[in-house]
C-alpha atoms as a PDB file:
ATOM      1  CA  MET A   1     -68.562 -57.640  95.562  1.00  0.00           C
ATOM      2  CA  VAL A   2     -65.503 -55.919  94.184  1.00  0.00           C
ATOM      3  CA  LYS A   3     -62.104 -57.625  94.323  1.00  0.00           C
ATOM      4  CA  LYS A   4     -59.194 -55.810  95.925  1.00  0.00           C
ATOM      5  CA  GLY A   5     -57.605 -53.359  93.497  1.00  0.00           C
ATOM      6  CA  MET A   6     -60.615 -53.439  91.138  1.00  0.00           C
ATOM      7  CA  LYS A   7     -62.889 -50.474  90.536  1.00  0.00           C
ATOM      8  CA  PRO A   8     -66.662 -51.019  90.944  1.00  0.00           C
ATOM      9  CA  TRP A   9     -68.555 -50.848  87.659  1.00  0.00           C
ATOM     10  CA  ASN A  10     -70.761 -47.942  88.781  1.00  0.00           C
ATOM     11  CA  LYS A  11     -68.142 -45.751  90.513  1.00  0.00           C
ATOM     12  CA  GLY A  12     -68.642 -42.117  89.500  1.00  0.00           C
ATOM     13  CA  LEU A  13     -71.647 -42.889  87.312  1.00  0.00           C
ATOM     14  CA  THR A  14     -75.043 -41.298  87.842  1.00  0.00           C
ATOM     15  CA  LYS A  15     -78.456 -42.031  86.391  1.00  0.00           C
ATOM     16  CA  GLU A  16     -78.066 -38.932  84.263  1.00  0.00           C
ATOM     17  CA  THR A  17     -74.780 -40.088  82.664  1.00  0.00           C
ATOM     18  CA  ASP A  18     -75.220 -43.861  82.279  1.00  0.00           C
ATOM     19  CA  GLU A  19     -78.149 -45.948  81.052  1.00  0.00           C
ATOM     20  CA  ARG A  20     -77.293 -48.979  83.226  1.00  0.00           C
ATOM     21  CA  VAL A  21     -77.475 -46.902  86.414  1.00  0.00           C
ATOM     22  CA  LYS A  22     -80.669 -45.225  85.250  1.00  0.00           C
ATOM     23  CA  LYS A  23     -82.225 -48.631  84.557  1.00  0.00           C
ATOM     24  CA  TYR A  24     -81.135 -49.986  87.975  1.00  0.00           C
ATOM     25  CA  CYS A  25     -82.446 -46.918  89.840  1.00  0.00           C
ATOM     26  CA  SER A  26     -85.790 -46.927  88.036  1.00  0.00           C
ATOM     27  CA  LYS A  27     -86.342 -50.645  88.780  1.00  0.00           C
ATOM     28  CA  ARG A  28     -85.527 -50.082  92.423  1.00  0.00           C
ATOM     29  CA  MET A  29     -87.883 -47.114  92.679  1.00  0.00           C
ATOM     30  CA  GLU A  30     -90.672 -49.116  91.029  1.00  0.00           C
ATOM     31  CA  THR A  31     -90.375 -51.955  93.557  1.00  0.00           C
ATOM     32  CA  CYS A  32     -90.267 -49.467  96.436  1.00  0.00           C
ATOM     33  CA  GLU A  33     -93.355 -47.659  95.115  1.00  0.00           C
ATOM     34  CA  LYS A  34     -95.203 -50.972  94.839  1.00  0.00           C
ATOM     35  CA  ARG A  35     -94.480 -51.689  98.489  1.00  0.00           C
ATOM     36  CA  GLY A  36     -95.400 -48.181  99.528  1.00  0.00           C
ATOM     37  CA  TYR A  37     -91.961 -47.204 100.865  1.00  0.00           C
ATOM     38  CA  VAL A  38     -91.295 -44.065  98.844  1.00  0.00           C
ATOM     39  CA  ASN A  39     -92.203 -40.660 100.225  1.00  0.00           C
ATOM     40  CA  SER A  40     -92.242 -37.473  98.201  1.00  0.00           C
ATOM     41  CA  LYS A  41     -88.988 -35.589  97.674  1.00  0.00           C
ATOM     42  CA  GLU A  42     -90.251 -32.658  99.773  1.00  0.00           C
ATOM     43  CA  THR A  43     -91.057 -34.979 102.693  1.00  0.00           C
ATOM     44  CA  ARG A  44     -87.637 -36.625 102.568  1.00  0.00           C
ATOM     45  CA  GLU A  45     -85.907 -33.221 102.448  1.00  0.00           C
ATOM     46  CA  LYS A  46     -88.008 -31.983 105.374  1.00  0.00           C
ATOM     47  CA  TRP A  47     -87.109 -35.055 107.465  1.00  0.00           C
ATOM     48  CA  SER A  48     -83.456 -34.623 106.566  1.00  0.00           C
ATOM     49  CA  GLU A  49     -83.578 -30.977 107.722  1.00  0.00           C
ATOM     50  CA  ASP A  50     -85.334 -31.943 110.963  1.00  0.00           C
ATOM     51  CA  ARG A  51     -82.719 -34.618 111.787  1.00  0.00           C
ATOM     52  CA  LYS A  52     -79.667 -32.398 111.316  1.00  0.00           C
ATOM     53  CA  GLY A  53     -77.681 -32.079 114.538  1.00  0.00           C
ATOM     54  CA  MET A  54     -79.722 -34.748 116.347  1.00  0.00           C
ATOM     55  CA  GLN A  55     -78.121 -37.644 118.201  1.00  0.00           C
ATOM     56  CA  GLY A  56     -79.259 -41.243 117.954  1.00  0.00           C
ATOM     57  CA  TYR A  57     -82.257 -41.899 120.162  1.00  0.00           C
ATOM     58  CA  ARG A  58     -80.227 -44.126 122.581  1.00  0.00           C
ATOM     59  CA  LYS A  59     -77.001 -42.122 122.595  1.00  0.00           C
ATOM     60  CA  GLY A  60     -76.037 -40.896 126.045  1.00  0.00           C
ATOM     61  CA  THR A  61     -78.595 -43.050 127.856  1.00  0.00           C
ATOM     62  CA  LYS A  62     -77.758 -46.078 130.007  1.00  0.00           C
ATOM     63  CA  GLN A  63     -79.492 -49.405 129.588  1.00  0.00           C
ATOM     64  CA  ASP A  64     -81.425 -50.893 132.433  1.00  0.00           C
ATOM     65  CA  LEU A  65     -79.310 -53.106 134.730  1.00  0.00           C
ATOM     66  CA  SER A  66     -81.389 -56.222 133.975  1.00  0.00           C
ATOM     67  CA  ILE A  67     -80.766 -55.785 130.232  1.00  0.00           C
ATOM     68  CA  ARG A  68     -77.026 -55.289 130.795  1.00  0.00           C
ATOM     69  CA  ILE A  69     -76.934 -58.500 132.857  1.00  0.00           C
ATOM     70  CA  LYS A  70     -78.765 -60.440 130.115  1.00  0.00           C
ATOM     71  CA  ILE A  71     -76.274 -59.192 127.518  1.00  0.00           C
ATOM     72  CA  SER A  72     -73.336 -60.180 129.751  1.00  0.00           C
ATOM     73  CA  LYS A  73     -74.803 -63.646 130.364  1.00  0.00           C
ATOM     74  CA  SER A  74     -75.294 -64.223 126.655  1.00  0.00           C
ATOM     75  CA  LYS A  75     -71.650 -63.270 125.980  1.00  0.00           C
ATOM     76  CA  GLN A  76     -70.376 -65.673 128.669  1.00  0.00           C
ATOM     77  CA  LYS A  77     -72.171 -68.645 127.020  1.00  0.00           C
ATOM     78  CA  GLY A  78     -73.165 -70.773 129.986  1.00  0.00           C
ATOM     79  CA  LYS A  79     -70.368 -69.880 132.398  1.00  0.00           C
ATOM     80  CA  ASN A  80     -71.305 -68.733 135.892  1.00  0.00           C
ATOM     81  CA  PHE A  81     -72.227 -65.075 135.713  1.00  0.00           C
ATOM     82  CA  ILE A  82     -69.865 -62.802 137.629  1.00  0.00           C
ATOM     83  CA  PRO A  83     -71.408 -59.343 137.438  1.00  0.00           C
ATOM     84  CA  PHE A  84     -69.267 -56.960 135.428  1.00  0.00           C
ATOM     85  CA  LYS A  85     -66.026 -58.592 136.579  1.00  0.00           C
ATOM     86  CA  GLN A  86     -63.934 -56.820 133.964  1.00  0.00           C
ATOM     87  CA  LYS A  87     -64.906 -53.390 135.250  1.00  0.00           C
ATOM     88  CA  LEU A  88     -63.996 -54.385 138.812  1.00  0.00           C
ATOM     89  CA  VAL A  89     -60.599 -55.745 137.745  1.00  0.00           C
ATOM     90  CA  LYS A  90     -59.915 -52.552 135.843  1.00  0.00           C
ATOM     91  CA  ARG A  91     -60.889 -50.434 138.864  1.00  0.00           C
ATOM     92  CA  ILE A  92     -58.610 -52.510 141.100  1.00  0.00           C
ATOM     93  CA  ARG A  93     -55.686 -52.189 138.680  1.00  0.00           C
ATOM     94  CA  LEU A  94     -56.119 -48.408 138.547  1.00  0.00           C
ATOM     95  CA  ASN A  95     -56.287 -48.165 142.345  1.00  0.00           C
ATOM     96  CA  ASN A  96     -53.353 -46.640 144.274  1.00  0.00           C
ATOM     97  CA  LEU A  97     -52.908 -49.837 146.330  1.00  0.00           C
ATOM     98  CA  TYR A  98     -52.313 -51.835 143.153  1.00  0.00           C
ATOM     99  CA  LEU A  99     -50.007 -49.219 141.666  1.00  0.00           C
ATOM    100  CA  ASN A 100     -47.972 -49.131 144.900  1.00  0.00           C
ATOM    101  CA  TRP A 101     -47.849 -52.964 145.005  1.00  0.00           C
ATOM    102  CA  ARG A 102     -46.567 -52.981 141.435  1.00  0.00           C
ATOM    103  CA  ALA A 103     -43.942 -50.302 142.133  1.00  0.00           C
ATOM    104  CA  ASN A 104     -42.761 -52.218 145.233  1.00  0.00           C
ATOM    105  CA  ILE A 105     -42.383 -55.426 143.197  1.00  0.00           C
ATOM    106  CA  PHE A 106     -40.297 -53.567 140.595  1.00  0.00           C
ATOM    107  CA  LYS A 107     -38.158 -51.940 143.302  1.00  0.00           C
ATOM    108  CA  ARG A 108     -37.633 -55.244 145.154  1.00  0.00           C
ATOM    109  CA  ASP A 109     -36.557 -57.004 141.923  1.00  0.00           C
ATOM    110  CA  ASN A 110     -34.312 -54.047 140.980  1.00  0.00           C
ATOM    111  CA  TYR A 111     -36.306 -53.395 137.781  1.00  0.00           C
ATOM    112  CA  THR A 112     -34.923 -56.632 136.308  1.00  0.00           C
ATOM    113  CA  CYS A 113     -36.763 -59.552 134.692  1.00  0.00           C
ATOM    114  CA  GLN A 114     -36.498 -62.489 137.094  1.00  0.00           C
ATOM    115  CA  ASN A 115     -36.488 -65.052 134.271  1.00  0.00           C
ATOM    116  CA  CYS A 116     -33.966 -63.749 131.711  1.00  0.00           C
ATOM    117  CA  PHE A 117     -32.371 -61.125 134.032  1.00  0.00           C
ATOM    118  CA  GLU A 118     -32.660 -58.447 131.340  1.00  0.00           C
ATOM    119  CA  ARG A 119     -32.716 -54.877 132.539  1.00  0.00           C
ATOM    120  CA  GLY A 120     -33.907 -51.737 130.758  1.00  0.00           C
ATOM    121  CA  CYS A 121     -36.725 -53.429 128.857  1.00  0.00           C
ATOM    122  CA  LYS A 122     -40.512 -53.206 129.270  1.00  0.00           C
ATOM    123  CA  ILE A 123     -41.243 -54.920 132.586  1.00  0.00           C
ATOM    124  CA  GLU A 124     -44.522 -56.159 134.052  1.00  0.00           C
ATOM    125  CA  ALA A 125     -45.576 -57.272 137.526  1.00  0.00           C
ATOM    126  CA  HIS A 126     -46.916 -60.820 137.541  1.00  0.00           C
ATOM    127  CA  HIS A 127     -49.122 -62.401 140.233  1.00  0.00           C
ATOM    128  CA  ILE A 128     -47.770 -65.860 141.088  1.00  0.00           C
ATOM    129  CA  ILE A 129     -51.250 -66.878 142.262  1.00  0.00           C
ATOM    130  CA  SER A 130     -53.461 -65.533 139.469  1.00  0.00           C
ATOM    131  CA  PHE A 131     -55.153 -62.186 140.076  1.00  0.00           C
ATOM    132  CA  GLY A 132     -58.457 -63.560 138.735  1.00  0.00           C
ATOM    133  CA  LYS A 133     -58.270 -66.678 140.927  1.00  0.00           C
ATOM    134  CA  MET A 134     -57.647 -64.559 144.010  1.00  0.00           C
ATOM    135  CA  ILE A 135     -60.733 -62.490 143.218  1.00  0.00           C
ATOM    136  CA  GLU A 136     -62.770 -65.713 143.020  1.00  0.00           C
ATOM    137  CA  ILE A 137     -61.180 -67.377 146.078  1.00  0.00           C
ATOM    138  CA  PHE A 138     -61.696 -64.395 148.369  1.00  0.00           C
ATOM    139  CA  ASN A 139     -65.103 -63.593 146.834  1.00  0.00           C
ATOM    140  CA  ILE A 140     -64.114 -60.031 145.947  1.00  0.00           C
ATOM    141  CA  ASN A 141     -66.997 -58.264 144.236  1.00  0.00           C
ATOM    142  CA  THR A 142     -66.414 -54.651 145.271  1.00  0.00           C
ATOM    143  CA  LEU A 143     -63.452 -52.326 145.351  1.00  0.00           C
ATOM    144  CA  ASP A 144     -63.746 -52.015 149.141  1.00  0.00           C
ATOM    145  CA  LYS A 145     -63.425 -55.798 149.576  1.00  0.00           C
ATOM    146  CA  ALA A 146     -60.364 -55.716 147.316  1.00  0.00           C
ATOM    147  CA  LYS A 147     -58.775 -52.986 149.437  1.00  0.00           C
ATOM    148  CA  GLU A 148     -59.395 -55.022 152.623  1.00  0.00           C
ATOM    149  CA  CYS A 149     -57.966 -58.285 151.194  1.00  0.00           C
ATOM    150  CA  LYS A 150     -54.363 -58.588 152.474  1.00  0.00           C
ATOM    151  CA  ALA A 151     -53.440 -61.487 150.141  1.00  0.00           C
ATOM    152  CA  LEU A 152     -54.130 -59.364 147.061  1.00  0.00           C
ATOM    153  CA  TRP A 153     -51.475 -56.840 148.090  1.00  0.00           C
ATOM    154  CA  ASP A 154     -48.901 -59.351 149.391  1.00  0.00           C
ATOM    155  CA  GLU A 155     -45.552 -58.590 147.760  1.00  0.00           C
ATOM    156  CA  GLY A 156     -44.531 -62.245 148.132  1.00  0.00           C
ATOM    157  CA  ASN A 157     -47.150 -63.073 145.480  1.00  0.00           C
ATOM    158  CA  GLY A 158     -45.495 -60.836 142.870  1.00  0.00           C
ATOM    159  CA  ILE A 159     -42.586 -61.215 140.485  1.00  0.00           C
ATOM    160  CA  THR A 160     -41.133 -59.001 137.747  1.00  0.00           C
ATOM    161  CA  TYR A 161     -41.020 -60.287 134.170  1.00  0.00           C
ATOM    162  CA  CYS A 162     -40.178 -58.635 130.875  1.00  0.00           C
ATOM    163  CA  ARG A 163     -42.973 -58.675 128.287  1.00  0.00           C
ATOM    164  CA  GLY A 164     -41.527 -61.652 126.367  1.00  0.00           C
ATOM    165  CA  CYS A 165     -41.025 -63.822 129.462  1.00  0.00           C
ATOM    166  CA  HIS A 166     -44.464 -62.852 130.799  1.00  0.00           C
ATOM    167  CA  ILE A 167     -46.091 -64.063 127.577  1.00  0.00           C
ATOM    168  CA  MET A 168     -44.016 -67.246 127.622  1.00  0.00           C
ATOM    169  CA  LEU A 169     -44.527 -68.098 131.316  1.00  0.00           C
ATOM    170  CA  ASP A 170     -48.067 -66.900 132.066  1.00  0.00           C
ATOM    171  CA  LYS A 171     -50.455 -69.555 130.761  1.00  0.00           C
ATOM    172  CA  ASN A 172     -53.352 -67.078 130.429  1.00  0.00           C
ATOM    173  CA  ILE A 173     -51.427 -64.591 128.288  1.00  0.00           C
ATOM    174  CA  GLY A 174     -49.589 -67.302 126.323  1.00  0.00           C
ATOM    175  CA  ILE A 175     -52.773 -69.160 125.364  1.00  0.00           C
ATOM    176  CA  GLY A 176     -54.415 -65.976 124.083  1.00  0.00           C
ATOM    177  CA  LEU A 177     -51.321 -65.072 122.081  1.00  0.00           C
ATOM    178  CA  GLN A 178     -51.048 -68.565 120.587  1.00  0.00           C
ATOM    179  CA  GLN A 179     -54.723 -68.471 119.541  1.00  0.00           C
ATOM    180  CA  ALA A 180     -54.270 -65.027 117.979  1.00  0.00           C
ATOM    181  CA  ARG A 181     -51.245 -66.254 116.009  1.00  0.00           C
ATOM    182  CA  SER A 182     -53.090 -69.365 114.805  1.00  0.00           C
ATOM    183  CA  TYR A 183     -55.865 -67.211 113.279  1.00  0.00           C
ATOM    184  CA  SER A 184     -53.459 -65.029 111.297  1.00  0.00           C
END
């Protein structure tokens, strides 16, 4: 491993110009030949020509749903599996109902942070009852169910915060930010 700012010992050297590189390459080729891994130069060139312009064998194909669920379960480490919750939340947040709810909250609060009363800064709409909790409480698992749920679009459940106050007051955002700062 090379330390930062240091140049590797073999940078720019080839087996034709340096004995150490030649010795290393020949040893490596010998071990590969013993194991039967080395193909002739013509074969390797032919394979290289054949592969030009090809994609990876899985690129552009979707995995089977059962495999995707297994991967998601393994990432959640024992928590109850909620199928592809993140994608649903993202679809809800990009929906016109959500965007209108957000705009109405901003308009109602006069585009002013309701904690520090600063105006003209980056503002965010905050759910007083957590967006994620509401999805769990009302058992929302499709976009249609989200559109039908009146509590999700209730303007009384929203408040405008600036970015700084949102991080400070929202326990979910604040915890993530504190953990990120502790690692750096």
